[in-house]
Amino acid sequence: VEITGPPSSVTEQRGAGFKEAIESTDGMEIIASQSGDFSTET
């Protein structure tokens, strides 16, 4: 599961780096990805 930040360059870059890394293997799957708005409560 991936919990992202709100739309921004920070969110895009962190998400892209993570996907780039795990795509090197076929066994890793992101089954859900939603924004948590950089908030503990959200």
PDB file of all heavy atoms in Angstrom:
ATOM      1  N   VAL A   1       0.864  -1.181   0.000  1.00  0.00           N
ATOM      2  CA  VAL A   1       0.000   0.000   0.000  1.00  0.00           C
ATOM      3  C   VAL A   1       0.898   1.228   0.000  1.00  0.00           C
ATOM      4  O   VAL A   1       1.891   1.292   0.721  1.00  0.00           O
ATOM      5  CB  VAL A   1      -0.931   0.011   1.227  1.00  0.00           C
ATOM      6  CG1 VAL A   1      -1.576   1.389   1.407  1.00  0.00           C
ATOM      7  CG2 VAL A   1      -2.007  -1.063   1.096  1.00  0.00           C
ATOM      8  N   GLU A   2       0.530   2.216  -0.817  1.00  0.00           N
ATOM      9  CA  GLU A   2       1.282   3.471  -0.893  1.00  0.00           C
ATOM     10  C   GLU A   2       0.398   4.614  -0.411  1.00  0.00           C
ATOM     11  O   GLU A   2      -0.717   4.799  -0.912  1.00  0.00           O
ATOM     12  CB  GLU A   2       1.727   3.737  -2.334  1.00  0.00           C
ATOM     13  CG  GLU A   2       2.451   5.060  -2.520  1.00  0.00           C
ATOM     14  CD  GLU A   2       2.723   5.374  -3.987  1.00  0.00           C
ATOM     15  OE1 GLU A   2       1.825   5.128  -4.821  1.00  0.00           O
ATOM     16  OE2 GLU A   2       3.821   5.879  -4.281  1.00  0.00           O
ATOM     17  N   ILE A   3       0.889   5.372   0.571  1.00  0.00           N
ATOM     18  CA  ILE A   3       0.193   6.570   1.048  1.00  0.00           C
ATOM     19  C   ILE A   3       1.018   7.771   0.600  1.00  0.00           C
ATOM     20  O   ILE A   3       2.147   7.983   1.062  1.00  0.00           O
ATOM     21  CB  ILE A   3       0.024   6.567   2.579  1.00  0.00           C
ATOM     22  CG1 ILE A   3      -0.690   5.285   3.044  1.00  0.00           C
ATOM     23  CG2 ILE A   3      -0.752   7.806   3.030  1.00  0.00           C
ATOM     24  CD1 ILE A   3      -2.102   5.118   2.493  1.00  0.00           C
ATOM     25  N   THR A   4       0.469   8.562  -0.298  1.00  0.00           N
ATOM     26  CA  THR A   4       1.199   9.663  -0.920  1.00  0.00           C
ATOM     27  C   THR A   4       0.853  10.998  -0.277  1.00  0.00           C
ATOM     28  O   THR A   4      -0.077  11.111   0.531  1.00  0.00           O
ATOM     29  CB  THR A   4       0.876   9.753  -2.420  1.00  0.00           C
ATOM     30  OG1 THR A   4      -0.447  10.300  -2.578  1.00  0.00           O
ATOM     31  CG2 THR A   4       0.944   8.389  -3.089  1.00  0.00           C
ATOM     32  N   GLY A   5       1.596  12.021  -0.666  1.00  0.00           N
ATOM     33  CA  GLY A   5       1.259  13.387  -0.284  1.00  0.00           C
ATOM     34  C   GLY A   5       0.263  13.971  -1.272  1.00  0.00           C
ATOM     35  O   GLY A   5      -0.170  13.304  -2.221  1.00  0.00           O
ATOM     36  N   PRO A   6      -0.118  15.236  -1.107  1.00  0.00           N
ATOM     37  CA  PRO A   6      -1.010  15.902  -2.053  1.00  0.00           C
ATOM     38  C   PRO A   6      -0.279  16.164  -3.368  1.00  0.00           C
ATOM     39  O   PRO A   6       0.948  16.051  -3.429  1.00  0.00           O
ATOM     40  CB  PRO A   6      -1.355  17.211  -1.341  1.00  0.00           C
ATOM     41  CG  PRO A   6      -0.183  17.459  -0.453  1.00  0.00           C
ATOM     42  CD  PRO A   6       0.318  16.123  -0.009  1.00  0.00           C
ATOM     43  N   PRO A   7      -0.988  16.501  -4.438  1.00  0.00           N
ATOM     44  CA  PRO A   7      -0.330  16.745  -5.726  1.00  0.00           C
ATOM     45  C   PRO A   7       0.752  17.824  -5.617  1.00  0.00           C
ATOM     46  O   PRO A   7       0.476  18.961  -5.230  1.00  0.00           O
ATOM     47  CB  PRO A   7      -1.479  17.215  -6.625  1.00  0.00           C
ATOM     48  CG  PRO A   7      -2.696  16.598  -6.014  1.00  0.00           C
ATOM     49  CD  PRO A   7      -2.457  16.613  -4.530  1.00  0.00           C
ATOM     50  N   SER A   8       1.980  17.457  -5.935  1.00  0.00           N
ATOM     51  CA  SER A   8       3.110  18.391  -5.870  1.00  0.00           C
ATOM     52  C   SER A   8       4.321  17.702  -6.463  1.00  0.00           C
ATOM     53  O   SER A   8       4.326  16.489  -6.679  1.00  0.00           O
ATOM     54  CB  SER A   8       3.419  18.792  -4.425  1.00  0.00           C
ATOM     55  OG  SER A   8       3.930  17.688  -3.697  1.00  0.00           O
ATOM     56  N   SER A   9       5.375  18.473  -6.702  1.00  0.00           N
ATOM     57  CA  SER A   9       6.608  17.881  -7.230  1.00  0.00           C
ATOM     58  C   SER A   9       7.222  16.918  -6.222  1.00  0.00           C
ATOM     59  O   SER A   9       7.801  15.892  -6.595  1.00  0.00           O
ATOM     60  CB  SER A   9       7.617  18.987  -7.571  1.00  0.00           C
ATOM     61  OG  SER A   9       7.942  19.740  -6.421  1.00  0.00           O
ATOM     62  N   VAL A  10       7.085  17.223  -4.925  1.00  0.00           N
ATOM     63  CA  VAL A  10       7.620  16.335  -3.887  1.00  0.00           C
ATOM     64  C   VAL A  10       6.951  14.972  -3.965  1.00  0.00           C
ATOM     65  O   VAL A  10       7.610  13.924  -3.977  1.00  0.00           O
ATOM     66  CB  VAL A  10       7.413  16.961  -2.488  1.00  0.00           C
ATOM     67  CG1 VAL A  10       7.736  15.956  -1.393  1.00  0.00           C
ATOM     68  CG2 VAL A  10       8.268  18.207  -2.333  1.00  0.00           C
ATOM     69  N   THR A  11       5.627  14.974  -4.029  1.00  0.00           N
ATOM     70  CA  THR A  11       4.863  13.722  -4.110  1.00  0.00           C
ATOM     71  C   THR A  11       5.206  12.946  -5.379  1.00  0.00           C
ATOM     72  O   THR A  11       5.430  11.730  -5.335  1.00  0.00           O
ATOM     73  CB  THR A  11       3.354  14.030  -4.079  1.00  0.00           C
ATOM     74  OG1 THR A  11       3.032  14.589  -2.802  1.00  0.00           O
ATOM     75  CG2 THR A  11       2.523  12.785  -4.303  1.00  0.00           C
ATOM     76  N   GLU A  12       5.253  13.648  -6.488  1.00  0.00           N
ATOM     77  CA  GLU A  12       5.545  12.987  -7.764  1.00  0.00           C
ATOM     78  C   GLU A  12       6.929  12.354  -7.764  1.00  0.00           C
ATOM     79  O   GLU A  12       7.113  11.222  -8.217  1.00  0.00           O
ATOM     80  CB  GLU A  12       5.419  13.997  -8.908  1.00  0.00           C
ATOM     81  CG  GLU A  12       3.984  14.467  -9.153  1.00  0.00           C
ATOM     82  CD  GLU A  12       3.922  15.676 -10.074  1.00  0.00           C
ATOM     83  OE1 GLU A  12       4.983  16.072 -10.597  1.00  0.00           O
ATOM     84  OE2 GLU A  12       2.816  16.223 -10.255  1.00  0.00           O
ATOM     85  N   GLN A  13       7.917  13.070  -7.255  1.00  0.00           N
ATOM     86  CA  GLN A  13       9.288  12.559  -7.270  1.00  0.00           C
ATOM     87  C   GLN A  13       9.455  11.371  -6.333  1.00  0.00           C
ATOM     88  O   GLN A  13      10.117  10.385  -6.676  1.00  0.00           O
ATOM     89  CB  GLN A  13      10.252  13.686  -6.890  1.00  0.00           C
ATOM     90  CG  GLN A  13      10.375  14.754  -7.959  1.00  0.00           C
ATOM     91  CD  GLN A  13      11.055  16.024  -7.458  1.00  0.00           C
ATOM     92  OE1 GLN A  13      11.576  16.065  -6.339  1.00  0.00           O
ATOM     93  NE2 GLN A  13      11.044  17.056  -8.280  1.00  0.00           N
ATOM     94  N   ARG A  14       8.861  11.435  -5.150  1.00  0.00           N
ATOM     95  CA  ARG A  14       8.975  10.306  -4.215  1.00  0.00           C
ATOM     96  C   ARG A  14       8.265   9.068  -4.764  1.00  0.00           C
ATOM     97  O   ARG A  14       8.783   7.951  -4.664  1.00  0.00           O
ATOM     98  CB  ARG A  14       8.419  10.694  -2.847  1.00  0.00           C
ATOM     99  CG  ARG A  14       9.251  11.749  -2.153  1.00  0.00           C
ATOM    100  CD  ARG A  14       8.738  12.112  -0.765  1.00  0.00           C
ATOM    101  NE  ARG A  14       9.530  13.215  -0.224  1.00  0.00           N
ATOM    102  CZ  ARG A  14       9.357  13.753   0.982  1.00  0.00           C
ATOM    103  NH1 ARG A  14       8.415  13.289   1.796  1.00  0.00           N
ATOM    104  NH2 ARG A  14      10.129  14.741   1.383  1.00  0.00           N
ATOM    105  N   GLY A  15       7.090   9.282  -5.337  1.00  0.00           N
ATOM    106  CA  GLY A  15       6.351   8.150  -5.901  1.00  0.00           C
ATOM    107  C   GLY A  15       7.045   7.539  -7.107  1.00  0.00           C
ATOM    108  O   GLY A  15       7.120   6.313  -7.244  1.00  0.00           O
ATOM    109  N   ALA A  16       7.596   8.397  -7.967  1.00  0.00           N
ATOM    110  CA  ALA A  16       8.288   7.900  -9.165  1.00  0.00           C
ATOM    111  C   ALA A  16       9.529   7.104  -8.790  1.00  0.00           C
ATOM    112  O   ALA A  16       9.818   6.057  -9.390  1.00  0.00           O
ATOM    113  CB  ALA A  16       8.665   9.075 -10.069  1.00  0.00           C
ATOM    114  N   GLY A  17      10.271   7.585  -7.792  1.00  0.00           N
ATOM    115  CA  GLY A  17      11.462   6.865  -7.364  1.00  0.00           C
ATOM    116  C   GLY A  17      11.129   5.501  -6.803  1.00  0.00           C
ATOM    117  O   GLY A  17      11.832   4.508  -7.080  1.00  0.00           O
ATOM    118  N   PHE A  18      10.055   5.426  -6.020  1.00  0.00           N
ATOM    119  CA  PHE A  18       9.648   4.150  -5.434  1.00  0.00           C
ATOM    120  C   PHE A  18       9.233   3.156  -6.514  1.00  0.00           C
ATOM    121  O   PHE A  18       9.663   1.988  -6.514  1.00  0.00           O
ATOM    122  CB  PHE A  18       8.485   4.382  -4.457  1.00  0.00           C
ATOM    123  CG  PHE A  18       8.049   3.140  -3.722  1.00  0.00           C
ATOM    124  CD1 PHE A  18       8.815   2.635  -2.683  1.00  0.00           C
ATOM    125  CD2 PHE A  18       6.873   2.485  -4.069  1.00  0.00           C
ATOM    126  CE1 PHE A  18       8.418   1.495  -1.997  1.00  0.00           C
ATOM    127  CE2 PHE A  18       6.469   1.349  -3.394  1.00  0.00           C
ATOM    128  CZ  PHE A  18       7.243   0.852  -2.348  1.00  0.00           C
ATOM    129  N   LYS A  19       8.410   3.619  -7.451  1.00  0.00           N
ATOM    130  CA  LYS A  19       7.955   2.727  -8.530  1.00  0.00           C
ATOM    131  C   LYS A  19       9.120   2.272  -9.402  1.00  0.00           C
ATOM    132  O   LYS A  19       9.188   1.112  -9.829  1.00  0.00           O
ATOM    133  CB  LYS A  19       6.895   3.429  -9.375  1.00  0.00           C
ATOM    134  CG  LYS A  19       5.575   3.662  -8.649  1.00  0.00           C
ATOM    135  CD  LYS A  19       4.575   4.396  -9.522  1.00  0.00           C
ATOM    136  CE  LYS A  19       3.244   4.583  -8.821  1.00  0.00           C
ATOM    137  NZ  LYS A  19       3.334   5.481  -7.653  1.00  0.00           N
ATOM    138  N   GLU A  20      10.042   3.164  -9.666  1.00  0.00           N
ATOM    139  CA  GLU A  20      11.222   2.820 -10.459  1.00  0.00           C
ATOM    140  C   GLU A  20      11.998   1.676  -9.811  1.00  0.00           C
ATOM    141  O   GLU A  20      12.460   0.754 -10.483  1.00  0.00           O
ATOM    142  CB  GLU A  20      12.119   4.051 -10.597  1.00  0.00           C
ATOM    143  CG  GLU A  20      13.444   3.791 -11.316  1.00  0.00           C
ATOM    144  CD  GLU A  20      14.373   4.989 -11.254  1.00  0.00           C
ATOM    145  OE1 GLU A  20      13.875   6.128 -11.195  1.00  0.00           O
ATOM    146  OE2 GLU A  20      15.602   4.777 -11.243  1.00  0.00           O
ATOM    147  N   ALA A  21      12.130   1.744  -8.483  1.00  0.00           N
ATOM    148  CA  ALA A  21      12.899   0.725  -7.766  1.00  0.00           C
ATOM    149  C   ALA A  21      12.192  -0.624  -7.763  1.00  0.00           C
ATOM    150  O   ALA A  21      12.801  -1.658  -8.065  1.00  0.00           O
ATOM    151  CB  ALA A  21      13.173   1.176  -6.342  1.00  0.00           C
ATOM    152  N   ILE A  22      10.904  -0.645  -7.438  1.00  0.00           N
ATOM    153  CA  ILE A  22      10.230  -1.943  -7.297  1.00  0.00           C
ATOM    154  C   ILE A  22       9.905  -2.584  -8.652  1.00  0.00           C
ATOM    155  O   ILE A  22       9.655  -3.785  -8.718  1.00  0.00           O
ATOM    156  CB  ILE A  22       8.947  -1.839  -6.444  1.00  0.00           C
ATOM    157  CG1 ILE A  22       7.878  -0.978  -7.139  1.00  0.00           C
ATOM    158  CG2 ILE A  22       9.275  -1.311  -5.056  1.00  0.00           C
ATOM    159  CD1 ILE A  22       6.525  -1.032  -6.448  1.00  0.00           C
ATOM    160  N   GLU A  23       9.934  -1.788  -9.728  1.00  0.00           N
ATOM    161  CA  GLU A  23       9.692  -2.357 -11.058  1.00  0.00           C
ATOM    162  C   GLU A  23      10.847  -3.228 -11.531  1.00  0.00           C
ATOM    163  O   GLU A  23      10.739  -3.919 -12.547  1.00  0.00           O
ATOM    164  CB  GLU A  23       9.426  -1.240 -12.067  1.00  0.00           C
ATOM    165  CG  GLU A  23       8.021  -0.655 -11.953  1.00  0.00           C
ATOM    166  CD  GLU A  23       7.808   0.559 -12.834  1.00  0.00           C
ATOM    167  OE1 GLU A  23       8.778   0.979 -13.521  1.00  0.00           O
ATOM    168  OE2 GLU A  23       6.690   1.106 -12.831  1.00  0.00           O
ATOM    169  N   SER A  24      11.947  -3.225 -10.785  1.00  0.00           N
ATOM    170  CA  SER A  24      13.081  -4.077 -11.140  1.00  0.00           C
ATOM    171  C   SER A  24      12.820  -5.540 -10.804  1.00  0.00           C
ATOM    172  O   SER A  24      13.587  -6.416 -11.180  1.00  0.00           O
ATOM    173  CB  SER A  24      14.344  -3.612 -10.403  1.00  0.00           C
ATOM    174  OG  SER A  24      14.199  -3.761  -8.995  1.00  0.00           O
ATOM    175  N   THR A  25      11.727  -5.804 -10.093  1.00  0.00           N
ATOM    176  CA  THR A  25      11.330  -7.178  -9.799  1.00  0.00           C
ATOM    177  C   THR A  25       9.858  -7.365 -10.141  1.00  0.00           C
ATOM    178  O   THR A  25       9.066  -6.422 -10.038  1.00  0.00           O
ATOM    179  CB  THR A  25      11.569  -7.516  -8.314  1.00  0.00           C
ATOM    180  OG1 THR A  25      11.106  -8.834  -8.042  1.00  0.00           O
ATOM    181  CG2 THR A  25      10.832  -6.557  -7.400  1.00  0.00           C
ATOM    182  N   ASP A  26       9.476  -8.551 -10.547  1.00  0.00           N
ATOM    183  CA  ASP A  26       8.095  -8.799 -10.984  1.00  0.00           C
ATOM    184  C   ASP A  26       7.156  -9.131  -9.829  1.00  0.00           C
ATOM    185  O   ASP A  26       5.941  -9.176 -10.025  1.00  0.00           O
ATOM    186  CB  ASP A  26       8.062  -9.957 -12.006  1.00  0.00           C
ATOM    187  CG  ASP A  26       8.792  -9.613 -13.292  1.00  0.00           C
ATOM    188  OD1 ASP A  26       8.824  -8.413 -13.636  1.00  0.00           O
ATOM    189  OD2 ASP A  26       9.336 -10.542 -13.935  1.00  0.00           O
ATOM    190  N   GLY A  27       7.709  -9.373  -8.645  1.00  0.00           N
ATOM    191  CA  GLY A  27       6.872  -9.868  -7.557  1.00  0.00           C
ATOM    192  C   GLY A  27       6.275  -8.804  -6.662  1.00  0.00           C
ATOM    193  O   GLY A  27       5.557  -9.122  -5.715  1.00  0.00           O
ATOM    194  N   MET A  28       6.555  -7.527  -6.941  1.00  0.00           N
ATOM    195  CA  MET A  28       6.066  -6.446  -6.078  1.00  0.00           C
ATOM    196  C   MET A  28       4.857  -5.768  -6.726  1.00  0.00           C
ATOM    197  O   MET A  28       4.905  -5.397  -7.900  1.00  0.00           O
ATOM    198  CB  MET A  28       7.165  -5.412  -5.845  1.00  0.00           C
ATOM    199  CG  MET A  28       8.501  -5.999  -5.422  1.00  0.00           C
ATOM    200  SD  MET A  28       8.553  -6.523  -3.712  1.00  0.00           S
ATOM    201  CE  MET A  28       8.733  -4.954  -2.902  1.00  0.00           C
ATOM    202  N   GLU A  29       3.796  -5.578  -5.959  1.00  0.00           N
ATOM    203  CA  GLU A  29       2.568  -5.004  -6.501  1.00  0.00           C
ATOM    204  C   GLU A  29       2.003  -3.949  -5.547  1.00  0.00           C
ATOM    205  O   GLU A  29       1.823  -4.218  -4.356  1.00  0.00           O
ATOM    206  CB  GLU A  29       1.526  -6.108  -6.704  1.00  0.00           C
ATOM    207  CG  GLU A  29       0.198  -5.607  -7.237  1.00  0.00           C
ATOM    208  CD  GLU A  29      -0.875  -6.683  -7.268  1.00  0.00           C
ATOM    209  OE1 GLU A  29      -0.606  -7.810  -6.780  1.00  0.00           O
ATOM    210  OE2 GLU A  29      -1.980  -6.390  -7.759  1.00  0.00           O
ATOM    211  N   ILE A  30       1.742  -2.763  -6.088  1.00  0.00           N
ATOM    212  CA  ILE A  30       1.063  -1.728  -5.302  1.00  0.00           C
ATOM    213  C   ILE A  30      -0.440  -1.952  -5.465  1.00  0.00           C
ATOM    214  O   ILE A  30      -1.001  -1.719  -6.539  1.00  0.00           O
ATOM    215  CB  ILE A  30       1.458  -0.315  -5.770  1.00  0.00           C
ATOM    216  CG1 ILE A  30       2.955  -0.082  -5.560  1.00  0.00           C
ATOM    217  CG2 ILE A  30       0.652   0.740  -5.010  1.00  0.00           C
ATOM    218  CD1 ILE A  30       3.455   1.254  -6.076  1.00  0.00           C
ATOM    219  N   ILE A  31      -1.079  -2.439  -4.427  1.00  0.00           N
ATOM    220  CA  ILE A  31      -2.498  -2.812  -4.521  1.00  0.00           C
ATOM    221  C   ILE A  31      -3.425  -1.640  -4.193  1.00  0.00           C
ATOM    222  O   ILE A  31      -4.623  -1.688  -4.491  1.00  0.00           O
ATOM    223  CB  ILE A  31      -2.823  -4.004  -3.611  1.00  0.00           C
ATOM    224  CG1 ILE A  31      -2.461  -3.695  -2.151  1.00  0.00           C
ATOM    225  CG2 ILE A  31      -2.079  -5.256  -4.091  1.00  0.00           C
ATOM    226  CD1 ILE A  31      -2.897  -4.775  -1.162  1.00  0.00           C
ATOM    227  N   ALA A  32      -2.910  -0.598  -3.566  1.00  0.00           N
ATOM    228  CA  ALA A  32      -3.702   0.598  -3.276  1.00  0.00           C
ATOM    229  C   ALA A  32      -2.760   1.788  -3.108  1.00  0.00           C
ATOM    230  O   ALA A  32      -1.694   1.650  -2.505  1.00  0.00           O
ATOM    231  CB  ALA A  32      -4.528   0.407  -2.010  1.00  0.00           C
ATOM    232  N   SER A  33      -3.168   2.932  -3.649  1.00  0.00           N
ATOM    233  CA  SER A  33      -2.372   4.155  -3.522  1.00  0.00           C
ATOM    234  C   SER A  33      -3.335   5.326  -3.342  1.00  0.00           C
ATOM    235  O   SER A  33      -4.146   5.616  -4.225  1.00  0.00           O
ATOM    236  CB  SER A  33      -1.515   4.367  -4.776  1.00  0.00           C
ATOM    237  OG  SER A  33      -0.778   5.567  -4.672  1.00  0.00           O
ATOM    238  N   GLN A  34      -3.253   5.979  -2.182  1.00  0.00           N
ATOM    239  CA  GLN A  34      -4.127   7.110  -1.899  1.00  0.00           C
ATOM    240  C   GLN A  34      -3.348   8.205  -1.194  1.00  0.00           C
ATOM    241  O   GLN A  34      -2.343   7.948  -0.529  1.00  0.00           O
ATOM    242  CB  GLN A  34      -5.313   6.676  -1.032  1.00  0.00           C
ATOM    243  CG  GLN A  34      -6.296   5.771  -1.738  1.00  0.00           C
ATOM    244  CD  GLN A  34      -7.577   5.564  -0.931  1.00  0.00           C
ATOM    245  OE1 GLN A  34      -8.045   6.472  -0.240  1.00  0.00           O
ATOM    246  NE2 GLN A  34      -8.136   4.370  -1.024  1.00  0.00           N
ATOM    247  N   SER A  35      -3.855   9.427  -1.297  1.00  0.00           N
ATOM    248  CA  SER A  35      -3.193  10.573  -0.659  1.00  0.00           C
ATOM    249  C   SER A  35      -3.595  10.691   0.800  1.00  0.00           C
ATOM    250  O   SER A  35      -4.779  10.597   1.143  1.00  0.00           O
ATOM    251  CB  SER A  35      -3.560  11.868  -1.381  1.00  0.00           C
ATOM    252  OG  SER A  35      -3.065  12.989  -0.663  1.00  0.00           O
ATOM    253  N   GLY A  36      -2.591  10.908   1.626  1.00  0.00           N
ATOM    254  CA  GLY A  36      -2.829  11.203   3.034  1.00  0.00           C
ATOM    255  C   GLY A  36      -2.592  12.661   3.352  1.00  0.00           C
ATOM    256  O   GLY A  36      -2.610  13.060   4.526  1.00  0.00           O
ATOM    257  N   ASP A  37      -2.354  13.476   2.310  1.00  0.00           N
ATOM    258  CA  ASP A  37      -2.222  14.939   2.442  1.00  0.00           C
ATOM    259  C   ASP A  37      -1.131  15.375   3.414  1.00  0.00           C
ATOM    260  O   ASP A  37      -1.213  16.460   3.991  1.00  0.00           O
ATOM    261  CB  ASP A  37      -3.550  15.563   2.872  1.00  0.00           C
ATOM    262  CG  ASP A  37      -4.553  15.592   1.745  1.00  0.00           C
ATOM    263  OD1 ASP A  37      -4.129  15.634   0.571  1.00  0.00           O
ATOM    264  OD2 ASP A  37      -5.769  15.548   2.030  1.00  0.00           O
ATOM    265  N   PHE A  38      -0.104  14.544   3.610  1.00  0.00           N
ATOM    266  CA  PHE A  38       0.961  14.850   4.579  1.00  0.00           C
ATOM    267  C   PHE A  38       0.364  15.146   5.951  1.00  0.00           C
ATOM    268  O   PHE A  38       0.871  15.993   6.697  1.00  0.00           O
ATOM    269  CB  PHE A  38       1.825  16.019   4.103  1.00  0.00           C
ATOM    270  CG  PHE A  38       2.747  15.661   2.969  1.00  0.00           C
ATOM    271  CD1 PHE A  38       3.099  16.620   2.021  1.00  0.00           C
ATOM    272  CD2 PHE A  38       3.268  14.389   2.835  1.00  0.00           C
ATOM    273  CE1 PHE A  38       3.958  16.292   0.969  1.00  0.00           C
ATOM    274  CE2 PHE A  38       4.118  14.057   1.792  1.00  0.00           C
ATOM    275  CZ  PHE A  38       4.465  15.008   0.863  1.00  0.00           C
ATOM    276  N   SER A  39      -0.716  14.443   6.297  1.00  0.00           N
ATOM    277  CA  SER A  39      -1.430  14.666   7.548  1.00  0.00           C
ATOM    278  C   SER A  39      -1.589  13.341   8.293  1.00  0.00           C
ATOM    279  O   SER A  39      -2.005  12.333   7.707  1.00  0.00           O
ATOM    280  CB  SER A  39      -2.812  15.266   7.267  1.00  0.00           C
ATOM    281  OG  SER A  39      -3.691  15.085   8.356  1.00  0.00           O
ATOM    282  N   THR A  40      -1.281  13.332   9.572  1.00  0.00           N
ATOM    283  CA  THR A  40      -1.462  12.134  10.395  1.00  0.00           C
ATOM    284  C   THR A  40      -2.932  11.744  10.456  1.00  0.00           C
ATOM    285  O   THR A  40      -3.289  10.564  10.306  1.00  0.00           O
ATOM    286  CB  THR A  40      -0.919  12.380  11.818  1.00  0.00           C
ATOM    287  OG1 THR A  40       0.478  12.689  11.741  1.00  0.00           O
ATOM    288  CG2 THR A  40      -1.112  11.152  12.698  1.00  0.00           C
ATOM    289  N   GLU A  41      -3.798  12.731  10.673  1.00  0.00           N
ATOM    290  CA  GLU A  41      -5.226  12.456  10.812  1.00  0.00           C
ATOM    291  C   GLU A  41      -5.829  11.936   9.516  1.00  0.00           C
ATOM    292  O   GLU A  41      -6.591  10.958   9.518  1.00  0.00           O
ATOM    293  CB  GLU A  41      -5.962  13.720  11.268  1.00  0.00           C
ATOM    294  CG  GLU A  41      -5.597  14.212  12.655  1.00  0.00           C
ATOM    295  CD  GLU A  41      -4.244  14.906  12.719  1.00  0.00           C
ATOM    296  OE1 GLU A  41      -3.699  15.285  11.647  1.00  0.00           O
ATOM    297  OE2 GLU A  41      -3.713  15.058  13.836  1.00  0.00           O
ATOM    298  N   THR A  42      -5.501  12.584   8.395  1.00  0.00           N
ATOM    299  CA  THR A  42      -6.033  12.141   7.101  1.00  0.00           C
ATOM    300  C   THR A  42      -5.531  10.743   6.768  1.00  0.00           C
ATOM    301  O   THR A  42      -6.294   9.894   6.274  1.00  0.00           O
ATOM    302  CB  THR A  42      -5.624  13.118   5.980  1.00  0.00           C
ATOM    303  OG1 THR A  42      -6.100  14.421   6.293  1.00  0.00           O
ATOM    304  CG2 THR A  42      -6.194  12.675   4.636  1.00  0.00           C
TER     305      THR A  42
END
